[in-house]
Amino acid sequence: MKNLFVVCLTLSMGFTSCMQGETKKKETPVQANEQGTKYQLEEVWETKDLPTPESVLYSAKDQVLYVSLIDGDAMERDGKGGIAVLNIDGSIKNKEWFTGMDAPKGLGLHENLLYVADLTSVSAIDVSSGKEVSKVEVPGAVMLNDITVDNQGRVFVSDTRTNKIHLIENDNVSLYIDSAVAVNGLKFLDGSLYALVGPELWKIEADKTVSIVAKGLEEGGDGLEPVGEGDFLVTCWAGLIYYVKANGEIEKLQDTRGVMNTADLGFNAEANTLYIPTFNSNSVKAYKLK
């Protein structure tokens, strides 16, 4: 969910081994083409008057949508940002569920804690009480962007400006991956960390071996959500929504560049519905994947 200065990137993947954040990369056969249109998006609803929504996270347990609201400049410490809560029909449950943040972006949920990336720190909010229970500063961070949490509660957070992925475990921060140029969207799935790195989708194994699942996105990737059988939905902040297959094939579902942003999406697999924060259009749109 978020790369605000969108550029078409040609990446030279050079990796340097180090004690922390070592990246081992292997190339795998990749197909990245568009052939026909198998999937379609049908708009279901739009909720407006949400100031600069950057990320949407669906909670299956509570049947709500958490929405990070920057409400201003994406890099400014102004205390205007926060988290809104929507019902899954798009109605607003609580527009000011959590306030006082600066420029909140990516969201991650584990058990009863909602993790929020906010510039250089990660906050953990108890979803029952709406109270912040911890806040961890990430040394050297510039623009923390997306978050994902594994089954053990370890938090992975990307920094798009420094090209790094950090790991937070028991409030301790370590470097997990570096040299991931313009890294943004993250998703931990089945023991592996998936990351949108510029125009590519990476799969990072526990030993930090990297394989390229797909490449050829027209803009830097932002939001990443699994849809089953190794397939993903991917957004690019500039206004693109893709369906990415496990074999690396890419199908463009929507292109609203110049009209509407498509930031860090949420996905409800049971309803086959994706939720798109439109950023500069100040709304969240729901689409049925058909």
C-alpha atoms as a PDB file:
ATOM      1  CA  MET A   1       0.000   0.000   0.000  1.00  0.00           C
ATOM      2  CA  LYS A   2       2.247   3.967  -1.269  1.00  0.00           C
ATOM      3  CA  ASN A   3       5.178   4.582  -3.460  1.00  0.00           C
ATOM      4  CA  LEU A   4       4.259   8.235  -3.798  1.00  0.00           C
ATOM      5  CA  PHE A   5       6.918   9.157  -6.310  1.00  0.00           C
ATOM      6  CA  VAL A   6       6.038   6.688  -9.030  1.00  0.00           C
ATOM      7  CA  VAL A   7       8.673   5.943 -11.579  1.00  0.00           C
ATOM      8  CA  CYS A   8       9.176   3.231 -14.129  1.00  0.00           C
ATOM      9  CA  LEU A   9      12.078   1.305 -12.647  1.00  0.00           C
ATOM     10  CA  THR A  10      14.728  -0.722 -14.344  1.00  0.00           C
ATOM     11  CA  LEU A  11      16.305  -2.679 -11.537  1.00  0.00           C
ATOM     12  CA  SER A  12      19.773  -4.034 -11.374  1.00  0.00           C
ATOM     13  CA  MET A  13      19.621  -6.782  -8.826  1.00  0.00           C
ATOM     14  CA  GLY A  14      23.015  -6.770  -7.142  1.00  0.00           C
ATOM     15  CA  PHE A  15      23.183  -8.188  -3.681  1.00  0.00           C
ATOM     16  CA  THR A  16      25.908  -7.921  -1.082  1.00  0.00           C
ATOM     17  CA  SER A  17      26.144 -10.487   1.673  1.00  0.00           C
ATOM     18  CA  CYS A  18      26.307  -9.249   5.213  1.00  0.00           C
ATOM     19  CA  MET A  19      25.707 -10.620   8.668  1.00  0.00           C
ATOM     20  CA  GLN A  20      22.185  -9.235   8.748  1.00  0.00           C
ATOM     21  CA  GLY A  21      19.788  -8.757   5.887  1.00  0.00           C
ATOM     22  CA  GLU A  22      21.681 -11.125   3.605  1.00  0.00           C
ATOM     23  CA  THR A  23      19.829 -11.798   0.391  1.00  0.00           C
ATOM     24  CA  LYS A  24      20.354 -14.916  -1.681  1.00  0.00           C
ATOM     25  CA  LYS A  25      18.717 -14.629  -5.054  1.00  0.00           C
ATOM     26  CA  LYS A  26      17.780 -17.228  -7.597  1.00  0.00           C
ATOM     27  CA  GLU A  27      16.059 -16.714 -10.914  1.00  0.00           C
ATOM     28  CA  THR A  28      13.057 -18.828 -11.805  1.00  0.00           C
ATOM     29  CA  PRO A  29      11.233 -19.055 -15.119  1.00  0.00           C
ATOM     30  CA  VAL A  30       8.774 -16.181 -15.228  1.00  0.00           C
ATOM     31  CA  GLN A  31       5.946 -15.342 -17.566  1.00  0.00           C
ATOM     32  CA  ALA A  32       4.740 -11.775 -17.360  1.00  0.00           C
ATOM     33  CA  ASN A  33       2.254 -11.109 -20.084  1.00  0.00           C
ATOM     34  CA  GLU A  34      -1.348 -10.166 -20.625  1.00  0.00           C
ATOM     35  CA  GLN A  35      -3.443 -12.497 -22.719  1.00  0.00           C
ATOM     36  CA  GLY A  36      -7.160 -11.820 -22.800  1.00  0.00           C
ATOM     37  CA  THR A  37      -9.241 -10.929 -19.792  1.00  0.00           C
ATOM     38  CA  LYS A  38     -10.291 -13.761 -17.542  1.00  0.00           C
ATOM     39  CA  TYR A  39     -11.195 -11.701 -14.478  1.00  0.00           C
ATOM     40  CA  GLN A  40     -13.298  -8.558 -14.137  1.00  0.00           C
ATOM     41  CA  LEU A  41     -14.030  -6.018 -11.418  1.00  0.00           C
ATOM     42  CA  GLU A  42     -17.535  -4.830 -10.624  1.00  0.00           C
ATOM     43  CA  GLU A  43     -17.868  -1.791  -8.363  1.00  0.00           C
ATOM     44  CA  VAL A  44     -20.092  -2.454  -5.335  1.00  0.00           C
ATOM     45  CA  TRP A  45     -19.847   0.690  -3.231  1.00  0.00           C
ATOM     46  CA  GLU A  46     -17.772   3.783  -2.521  1.00  0.00           C
ATOM     47  CA  THR A  47     -17.340   5.486   0.847  1.00  0.00           C
ATOM     48  CA  LYS A  48     -16.276   9.119   0.553  1.00  0.00           C
ATOM     49  CA  ASP A  49     -14.947  11.799   2.903  1.00  0.00           C
ATOM     50  CA  LEU A  50     -12.024   9.698   4.131  1.00  0.00           C
ATOM     51  CA  PRO A  51      -8.958  11.992   4.206  1.00  0.00           C
ATOM     52  CA  THR A  52      -6.109  10.437   2.209  1.00  0.00           C
ATOM     53  CA  PRO A  53      -6.787   6.720   2.786  1.00  0.00           C
ATOM     54  CA  GLU A  54      -3.622   4.695   2.222  1.00  0.00           C
ATOM     55  CA  SER A  55      -4.321   1.134   3.335  1.00  0.00           C
ATOM     56  CA  VAL A  56      -7.358  -1.073   3.955  1.00  0.00           C
ATOM     57  CA  LEU A  57      -7.255  -4.232   6.057  1.00  0.00           C
ATOM     58  CA  TYR A  58     -10.181  -6.648   6.277  1.00  0.00           C
ATOM     59  CA  SER A  59     -10.797  -8.389   9.604  1.00  0.00           C
ATOM     60  CA  ALA A  60     -12.696 -11.648   9.100  1.00  0.00           C
ATOM     61  CA  LYS A  61     -13.128 -12.074  12.851  1.00  0.00           C
ATOM     62  CA  ASP A  62     -14.790  -8.707  13.461  1.00  0.00           C
ATOM     63  CA  GLN A  63     -16.239  -8.224   9.959  1.00  0.00           C
ATOM     64  CA  VAL A  64     -14.859  -4.714   9.668  1.00  0.00           C
ATOM     65  CA  LEU A  65     -12.375  -2.791   7.548  1.00  0.00           C
ATOM     66  CA  TYR A  66      -9.519  -0.872   9.138  1.00  0.00           C
ATOM     67  CA  VAL A  67      -8.449   2.120   7.024  1.00  0.00           C
ATOM     68  CA  SER A  68      -5.290   4.154   7.583  1.00  0.00           C
ATOM     69  CA  LEU A  69      -5.883   7.865   6.993  1.00  0.00           C
ATOM     70  CA  ILE A  70      -2.871  10.080   6.322  1.00  0.00           C
ATOM     71  CA  ASP A  71      -4.989  13.256   6.196  1.00  0.00           C
ATOM     72  CA  GLY A  72      -2.217  15.418   4.781  1.00  0.00           C
ATOM     73  CA  ASP A  73       1.291  14.981   3.442  1.00  0.00           C
ATOM     74  CA  ALA A  74       2.587  11.414   3.379  1.00  0.00           C
ATOM     75  CA  MET A  75       5.898  12.428   4.970  1.00  0.00           C
ATOM     76  CA  GLU A  76       4.782  15.073   7.452  1.00  0.00           C
ATOM     77  CA  ARG A  77       4.728  14.755  11.225  1.00  0.00           C
ATOM     78  CA  ASP A  78       1.530  16.674  11.855  1.00  0.00           C
ATOM     79  CA  GLY A  79      -0.483  14.479  14.223  1.00  0.00           C
ATOM     80  CA  LYS A  80      -3.471  14.549  11.842  1.00  0.00           C
ATOM     81  CA  GLY A  81      -3.399  10.889  10.794  1.00  0.00           C
ATOM     82  CA  GLY A  82      -5.378   8.011  12.216  1.00  0.00           C
ATOM     83  CA  ILE A  83      -7.370   4.838  11.681  1.00  0.00           C
ATOM     84  CA  ALA A  84     -11.016   4.648  10.638  1.00  0.00           C
ATOM     85  CA  VAL A  85     -13.245   1.589  10.890  1.00  0.00           C
ATOM     86  CA  LEU A  86     -15.821   0.749   8.215  1.00  0.00           C
ATOM     87  CA  ASN A  87     -18.455  -1.940   8.133  1.00  0.00           C
ATOM     88  CA  ILE A  88     -18.090  -4.320   5.198  1.00  0.00           C
ATOM     89  CA  ASP A  89     -21.084  -2.706   3.475  1.00  0.00           C
ATOM     90  CA  GLY A  90     -19.097   0.529   3.326  1.00  0.00           C
ATOM     91  CA  SER A  91     -20.923   2.360   6.093  1.00  0.00           C
ATOM     92  CA  ILE A  92     -18.691   4.202   8.546  1.00  0.00           C
ATOM     93  CA  LYS A  93     -18.513   2.589  11.965  1.00  0.00           C
ATOM     94  CA  ASN A  94     -15.989   4.962  13.523  1.00  0.00           C
ATOM     95  CA  LYS A  95     -14.135   7.543  11.457  1.00  0.00           C
ATOM     96  CA  GLU A  96     -11.879   8.470  14.393  1.00  0.00           C
ATOM     97  CA  TRP A  97     -11.280   5.059  15.946  1.00  0.00           C
ATOM     98  CA  PHE A  98      -7.627   5.940  16.547  1.00  0.00           C
ATOM     99  CA  THR A  99      -6.143   9.424  16.145  1.00  0.00           C
ATOM    100  CA  GLY A 100      -2.974  11.407  16.752  1.00  0.00           C
ATOM    101  CA  MET A 101      -0.757   9.650  14.229  1.00  0.00           C
ATOM    102  CA  ASP A 102       1.378  11.364  11.607  1.00  0.00           C
ATOM    103  CA  ALA A 103       1.166   9.600   8.233  1.00  0.00           C
ATOM    104  CA  PRO A 104      -0.040   6.034   8.890  1.00  0.00           C
ATOM    105  CA  LYS A 105       0.260   3.599   6.021  1.00  0.00           C
ATOM    106  CA  GLY A 106       0.468  -0.217   6.101  1.00  0.00           C
ATOM    107  CA  LEU A 107      -1.622  -2.325   8.470  1.00  0.00           C
ATOM    108  CA  GLY A 108      -1.168  -5.812   9.884  1.00  0.00           C
ATOM    109  CA  LEU A 109      -3.362  -7.841  12.225  1.00  0.00           C
ATOM    110  CA  HIS A 110      -2.347 -10.628  14.605  1.00  0.00           C
ATOM    111  CA  GLU A 111      -4.683 -11.972  17.254  1.00  0.00           C
ATOM    112  CA  ASN A 112      -5.964  -8.868  19.052  1.00  0.00           C
ATOM    113  CA  LEU A 113      -3.346  -6.400  17.862  1.00  0.00           C
ATOM    114  CA  LEU A 114      -3.447  -4.073  14.874  1.00  0.00           C
ATOM    115  CA  TYR A 115       0.029  -3.015  13.750  1.00  0.00           C
ATOM    116  CA  VAL A 116       0.403   0.319  11.960  1.00  0.00           C
ATOM    117  CA  ALA A 117       3.431   1.719  10.105  1.00  0.00           C
ATOM    118  CA  ASP A 118       3.775   5.448  10.772  1.00  0.00           C
ATOM    119  CA  LEU A 119       6.810   7.066   9.117  1.00  0.00           C
ATOM    120  CA  THR A 120       9.628   5.713  11.325  1.00  0.00           C
ATOM    121  CA  SER A 121       7.721   3.708  13.940  1.00  0.00           C
ATOM    122  CA  VAL A 122       5.314   0.804  14.263  1.00  0.00           C
ATOM    123  CA  SER A 123       2.409   1.033  16.702  1.00  0.00           C
ATOM    124  CA  ALA A 124       0.464  -1.895  18.132  1.00  0.00           C
ATOM    125  CA  ILE A 125      -3.172  -1.099  18.941  1.00  0.00           C
ATOM    126  CA  ASP A 126      -5.478  -3.352  20.943  1.00  0.00           C
ATOM    127  CA  VAL A 127      -8.533  -3.741  18.703  1.00  0.00           C
ATOM    128  CA  SER A 128     -10.833  -4.371  21.675  1.00  0.00           C
ATOM    129  CA  SER A 129      -9.971  -1.187  23.527  1.00  0.00           C
ATOM    130  CA  GLY A 130      -8.637   0.976  20.698  1.00  0.00           C
ATOM    131  CA  LYS A 131      -5.616   1.793  22.883  1.00  0.00           C
ATOM    132  CA  GLU A 132      -1.989   1.786  21.796  1.00  0.00           C
ATOM    133  CA  VAL A 133      -0.090  -0.883  23.746  1.00  0.00           C
ATOM    134  CA  SER A 134       3.353  -0.400  22.216  1.00  0.00           C
ATOM    135  CA  LYS A 135       5.282   1.802  19.805  1.00  0.00           C
ATOM    136  CA  VAL A 136       8.596   0.714  18.328  1.00  0.00           C
ATOM    137  CA  GLU A 137      10.962   3.118  16.583  1.00  0.00           C
ATOM    138  CA  VAL A 138      12.906   1.614  13.676  1.00  0.00           C
ATOM    139  CA  PRO A 139      16.475   2.986  13.617  1.00  0.00           C
ATOM    140  CA  GLY A 140      17.408   4.600  10.323  1.00  0.00           C
ATOM    141  CA  ALA A 141      13.880   4.395   8.920  1.00  0.00           C
ATOM    142  CA  VAL A 142      12.650   7.064   6.510  1.00  0.00           C
ATOM    143  CA  MET A 143       9.236   5.948   5.229  1.00  0.00           C
ATOM    144  CA  LEU A 144       7.933   2.727   6.698  1.00  0.00           C
ATOM    145  CA  ASN A 145       5.248   1.508   4.354  1.00  0.00           C
ATOM    146  CA  ASP A 146       3.628  -1.903   4.463  1.00  0.00           C
ATOM    147  CA  ILE A 147       3.311  -4.456   7.257  1.00  0.00           C
ATOM    148  CA  THR A 148       2.667  -8.164   7.475  1.00  0.00           C
ATOM    149  CA  VAL A 149       2.684 -10.467  10.494  1.00  0.00           C
ATOM    150  CA  ASP A 150       3.548 -14.167  10.559  1.00  0.00           C
ATOM    151  CA  ASN A 151       1.829 -16.863  12.622  1.00  0.00           C
ATOM    152  CA  GLN A 152       4.208 -16.320  15.543  1.00  0.00           C
ATOM    153  CA  GLY A 153       3.468 -12.614  15.719  1.00  0.00           C
ATOM    154  CA  ARG A 154       6.713 -11.470  14.117  1.00  0.00           C
ATOM    155  CA  VAL A 155       6.193  -8.170  12.298  1.00  0.00           C
ATOM    156  CA  PHE A 156       7.781  -7.440   8.913  1.00  0.00           C
ATOM    157  CA  VAL A 157       7.770  -3.815   7.740  1.00  0.00           C
ATOM    158  CA  SER A 158       9.076  -2.323   4.492  1.00  0.00           C
ATOM    159  CA  ASP A 159      10.858   0.993   4.094  1.00  0.00           C
ATOM    160  CA  THR A 160      10.389   2.130   0.509  1.00  0.00           C
ATOM    161  CA  ARG A 161      12.915   4.966   0.754  1.00  0.00           C
ATOM    162  CA  THR A 162      15.787   2.910   2.219  1.00  0.00           C
ATOM    163  CA  ASN A 163      15.058  -0.278   0.200  1.00  0.00           C
ATOM    164  CA  LYS A 164      14.908  -2.416   3.347  1.00  0.00           C
ATOM    165  CA  ILE A 165      12.609  -4.842   5.130  1.00  0.00           C
ATOM    166  CA  HIS A 166      12.847  -4.821   8.913  1.00  0.00           C
ATOM    167  CA  LEU A 167      11.797  -7.516  11.378  1.00  0.00           C
ATOM    168  CA  ILE A 168      10.263  -6.671  14.749  1.00  0.00           C
ATOM    169  CA  GLU A 169      10.178  -9.486  17.271  1.00  0.00           C
ATOM    170  CA  ASN A 170       9.279  -8.886  20.908  1.00  0.00           C
ATOM    171  CA  ASP A 171       9.745  -5.144  20.253  1.00  0.00           C
ATOM    172  CA  ASN A 172      13.312  -5.756  19.054  1.00  0.00           C
ATOM    173  CA  VAL A 173      14.172  -4.490  15.554  1.00  0.00           C
ATOM    174  CA  SER A 174      16.571  -6.173  13.140  1.00  0.00           C
ATOM    175  CA  LEU A 175      17.365  -5.826   9.462  1.00  0.00           C
ATOM    176  CA  TYR A 176      15.768  -8.660   7.509  1.00  0.00           C
ATOM    177  CA  ILE A 177      16.451  -7.787   3.850  1.00  0.00           C
ATOM    178  CA  ASP A 178      18.294  -4.937   2.191  1.00  0.00           C
ATOM    179  CA  SER A 179      18.899  -3.987  -1.458  1.00  0.00           C
ATOM    180  CA  ALA A 180      15.184  -4.417  -2.225  1.00  0.00           C
ATOM    181  CA  VAL A 181      14.779  -1.318  -4.383  1.00  0.00           C
ATOM    182  CA  ALA A 182      11.506   0.560  -3.739  1.00  0.00           C
ATOM    183  CA  VAL A 183      10.102  -2.337  -1.687  1.00  0.00           C
ATOM    184  CA  ASN A 184       6.520  -1.792  -0.615  1.00  0.00           C
ATOM    185  CA  GLY A 185       3.728  -4.371  -0.295  1.00  0.00           C
ATOM    186  CA  LEU A 186       4.363  -7.384   1.970  1.00  0.00           C
ATOM    187  CA  LYS A 187       2.494 -10.591   2.732  1.00  0.00           C
ATOM    188  CA  PHE A 188       3.615 -13.548   4.848  1.00  0.00           C
ATOM    189  CA  LEU A 189       2.063 -16.734   3.508  1.00  0.00           C
ATOM    190  CA  ASP A 190       2.754 -20.435   4.058  1.00  0.00           C
ATOM    191  CA  GLY A 191       6.175 -19.887   5.582  1.00  0.00           C
ATOM    192  CA  SER A 192       7.428 -17.411   2.973  1.00  0.00           C
ATOM    193  CA  LEU A 193       7.514 -13.632   2.764  1.00  0.00           C
ATOM    194  CA  TYR A 194       6.192 -12.140  -0.470  1.00  0.00           C
ATOM    195  CA  ALA A 195       7.260  -8.603  -1.355  1.00  0.00           C
ATOM    196  CA  LEU A 196       6.519  -6.111  -4.092  1.00  0.00           C
ATOM    197  CA  VAL A 197       9.908  -4.755  -5.100  1.00  0.00           C
ATOM    198  CA  GLY A 198       9.464  -2.062  -7.736  1.00  0.00           C
ATOM    199  CA  PRO A 199       7.777  -3.753 -10.723  1.00  0.00           C
ATOM    200  CA  GLU A 200       8.462  -7.283  -9.422  1.00  0.00           C
ATOM    201  CA  LEU A 201       6.872  -9.751  -6.998  1.00  0.00           C
ATOM    202  CA  TRP A 202       9.466 -11.571  -4.894  1.00  0.00           C
ATOM    203  CA  LYS A 203       9.163 -14.706  -2.789  1.00  0.00           C
ATOM    204  CA  ILE A 204      11.619 -14.696   0.123  1.00  0.00           C
ATOM    205  CA  GLU A 205      12.251 -18.013   1.872  1.00  0.00           C
ATOM    206  CA  ALA A 206      13.201 -18.445   5.521  1.00  0.00           C
ATOM    207  CA  ASP A 207      16.893 -18.653   4.520  1.00  0.00           C
ATOM    208  CA  LYS A 208      16.419 -15.375   2.602  1.00  0.00           C
ATOM    209  CA  THR A 209      16.729 -16.983  -0.786  1.00  0.00           C
ATOM    210  CA  VAL A 210      14.818 -14.822  -3.256  1.00  0.00           C
ATOM    211  CA  SER A 211      12.934 -15.959  -6.340  1.00  0.00           C
ATOM    212  CA  ILE A 212      11.038 -13.705  -8.718  1.00  0.00           C
ATOM    213  CA  VAL A 213       7.409 -14.798  -8.965  1.00  0.00           C
ATOM    214  CA  ALA A 214       6.431 -12.192 -11.542  1.00  0.00           C
ATOM    215  CA  LYS A 215       7.791  -9.063 -13.175  1.00  0.00           C
ATOM    216  CA  GLY A 216       6.576  -6.481 -15.630  1.00  0.00           C
ATOM    217  CA  LEU A 217       4.229  -4.305 -13.563  1.00  0.00           C
ATOM    218  CA  GLU A 218       3.888  -0.963 -15.323  1.00  0.00           C
ATOM    219  CA  GLU A 219       4.468   0.961 -12.086  1.00  0.00           C
ATOM    220  CA  GLY A 220       5.947   0.202  -8.700  1.00  0.00           C
ATOM    221  CA  GLY A 221       3.825  -2.273  -6.745  1.00  0.00           C
ATOM    222  CA  ASP A 222       1.910  -1.157  -3.664  1.00  0.00           C
ATOM    223  CA  GLY A 223      -0.738  -3.501  -2.221  1.00  0.00           C
ATOM    224  CA  LEU A 224      -0.524  -7.313  -2.180  1.00  0.00           C
ATOM    225  CA  GLU A 225      -3.266  -9.789  -1.259  1.00  0.00           C
ATOM    226  CA  PRO A 226      -3.400 -13.577  -1.833  1.00  0.00           C
ATOM    227  CA  VAL A 227      -6.504 -15.014  -3.500  1.00  0.00           C
ATOM    228  CA  GLY A 228      -5.642 -18.711  -3.306  1.00  0.00           C
ATOM    229  CA  GLU A 229      -3.677 -21.309  -5.271  1.00  0.00           C
ATOM    230  CA  GLY A 230      -0.615 -19.081  -5.299  1.00  0.00           C
ATOM    231  CA  ASP A 231      -2.371 -16.197  -7.075  1.00  0.00           C
ATOM    232  CA  PHE A 232      -2.327 -12.577  -5.888  1.00  0.00           C
ATOM    233  CA  LEU A 233      -4.096  -9.297  -6.366  1.00  0.00           C
ATOM    234  CA  VAL A 234      -1.647  -6.423  -6.763  1.00  0.00           C
ATOM    235  CA  THR A 235      -2.167  -2.674  -6.830  1.00  0.00           C
ATOM    236  CA  CYS A 236       0.144   0.067  -8.007  1.00  0.00           C
ATOM    237  CA  TRP A 237      -0.397   3.429  -6.329  1.00  0.00           C
ATOM    238  CA  ALA A 238      -0.495   5.246  -9.681  1.00  0.00           C
ATOM    239  CA  GLY A 239      -3.827   3.586 -10.545  1.00  0.00           C
ATOM    240  CA  LEU A 240      -3.345  -0.038 -11.584  1.00  0.00           C
ATOM    241  CA  ILE A 241      -4.915  -3.269 -10.334  1.00  0.00           C
ATOM    242  CA  TYR A 242      -3.466  -6.602 -11.449  1.00  0.00           C
ATOM    243  CA  TYR A 243      -4.267 -10.276 -11.074  1.00  0.00           C
ATOM    244  CA  VAL A 244      -0.945 -12.125 -10.774  1.00  0.00           C
ATOM    245  CA  LYS A 245      -0.987 -15.879 -11.265  1.00  0.00           C
ATOM    246  CA  ALA A 246       1.268 -18.341  -9.498  1.00  0.00           C
ATOM    247  CA  ASN A 247       3.094 -19.001 -12.780  1.00  0.00           C
ATOM    248  CA  GLY A 248       3.959 -15.310 -13.129  1.00  0.00           C
ATOM    249  CA  GLU A 249       1.344 -14.345 -15.694  1.00  0.00           C
ATOM    250  CA  ILE A 250      -0.073 -10.865 -15.172  1.00  0.00           C
ATOM    251  CA  GLU A 251      -3.581  -9.722 -16.062  1.00  0.00           C
ATOM    252  CA  LYS A 252      -4.423  -6.031 -15.802  1.00  0.00           C
ATOM    253  CA  LEU A 253      -7.870  -5.593 -14.271  1.00  0.00           C
ATOM    254  CA  GLN A 254      -8.072  -1.806 -14.111  1.00  0.00           C
ATOM    255  CA  ASP A 255      -6.093   1.248 -15.194  1.00  0.00           C
ATOM    256  CA  THR A 256      -7.187   4.575 -13.696  1.00  0.00           C
ATOM    257  CA  ARG A 257      -3.862   6.377 -13.922  1.00  0.00           C
ATOM    258  CA  GLY A 258      -4.367  10.113 -14.002  1.00  0.00           C
ATOM    259  CA  VAL A 259      -7.889   9.721 -12.631  1.00  0.00           C
ATOM    260  CA  MET A 260      -7.754   7.700  -9.404  1.00  0.00           C
ATOM    261  CA  ASN A 261      -5.039   6.208  -7.221  1.00  0.00           C
ATOM    262  CA  THR A 262      -5.161   2.588  -6.134  1.00  0.00           C
ATOM    263  CA  ALA A 263      -3.155   2.281  -2.928  1.00  0.00           C
ATOM    264  CA  ASP A 264      -2.798  -0.666  -0.501  1.00  0.00           C
ATOM    265  CA  LEU A 265      -5.841  -2.885  -0.979  1.00  0.00           C
ATOM    266  CA  GLY A 266      -7.698  -5.184   1.372  1.00  0.00           C
ATOM    267  CA  PHE A 267      -9.364  -8.438   0.311  1.00  0.00           C
ATOM    268  CA  ASN A 268     -12.312 -10.447   1.635  1.00  0.00           C
ATOM    269  CA  ALA A 269     -11.837 -13.921   0.182  1.00  0.00           C
ATOM    270  CA  GLU A 270     -15.193 -15.191   1.425  1.00  0.00           C
ATOM    271  CA  ALA A 271     -17.069 -12.442  -0.441  1.00  0.00           C
ATOM    272  CA  ASN A 272     -14.499 -12.267  -3.253  1.00  0.00           C
ATOM    273  CA  THR A 273     -14.384  -8.526  -2.698  1.00  0.00           C
ATOM    274  CA  LEU A 274     -11.437  -6.167  -2.771  1.00  0.00           C
ATOM    275  CA  TYR A 275     -11.296  -2.787  -1.077  1.00  0.00           C
ATOM    276  CA  ILE A 276      -9.301  -0.004  -2.725  1.00  0.00           C
ATOM    277  CA  PRO A 277      -8.144   3.148  -0.902  1.00  0.00           C
ATOM    278  CA  THR A 278      -8.141   5.873  -3.557  1.00  0.00           C
ATOM    279  CA  PHE A 279      -5.696   8.135  -1.714  1.00  0.00           C
ATOM    280  CA  ASN A 280      -6.035  11.554  -3.391  1.00  0.00           C
ATOM    281  CA  SER A 281      -9.717  10.900  -4.158  1.00  0.00           C
ATOM    282  CA  ASN A 282     -10.387  10.531  -0.390  1.00  0.00           C
ATOM    283  CA  SER A 283     -12.528   7.425  -0.599  1.00  0.00           C
ATOM    284  CA  VAL A 284     -12.542   3.630  -0.380  1.00  0.00           C
ATOM    285  CA  LYS A 285     -14.098   1.623  -3.197  1.00  0.00           C
ATOM    286  CA  ALA A 286     -15.267  -1.987  -3.030  1.00  0.00           C
ATOM    287  CA  TYR A 287     -15.121  -4.206  -6.099  1.00  0.00           C
ATOM    288  CA  LYS A 288     -16.375  -7.728  -6.657  1.00  0.00           C
ATOM    289  CA  LEU A 289     -13.835  -9.954  -8.395  1.00  0.00           C
ATOM    290  CA  LYS A 290     -15.677 -11.904 -11.073  1.00  0.00           C
END
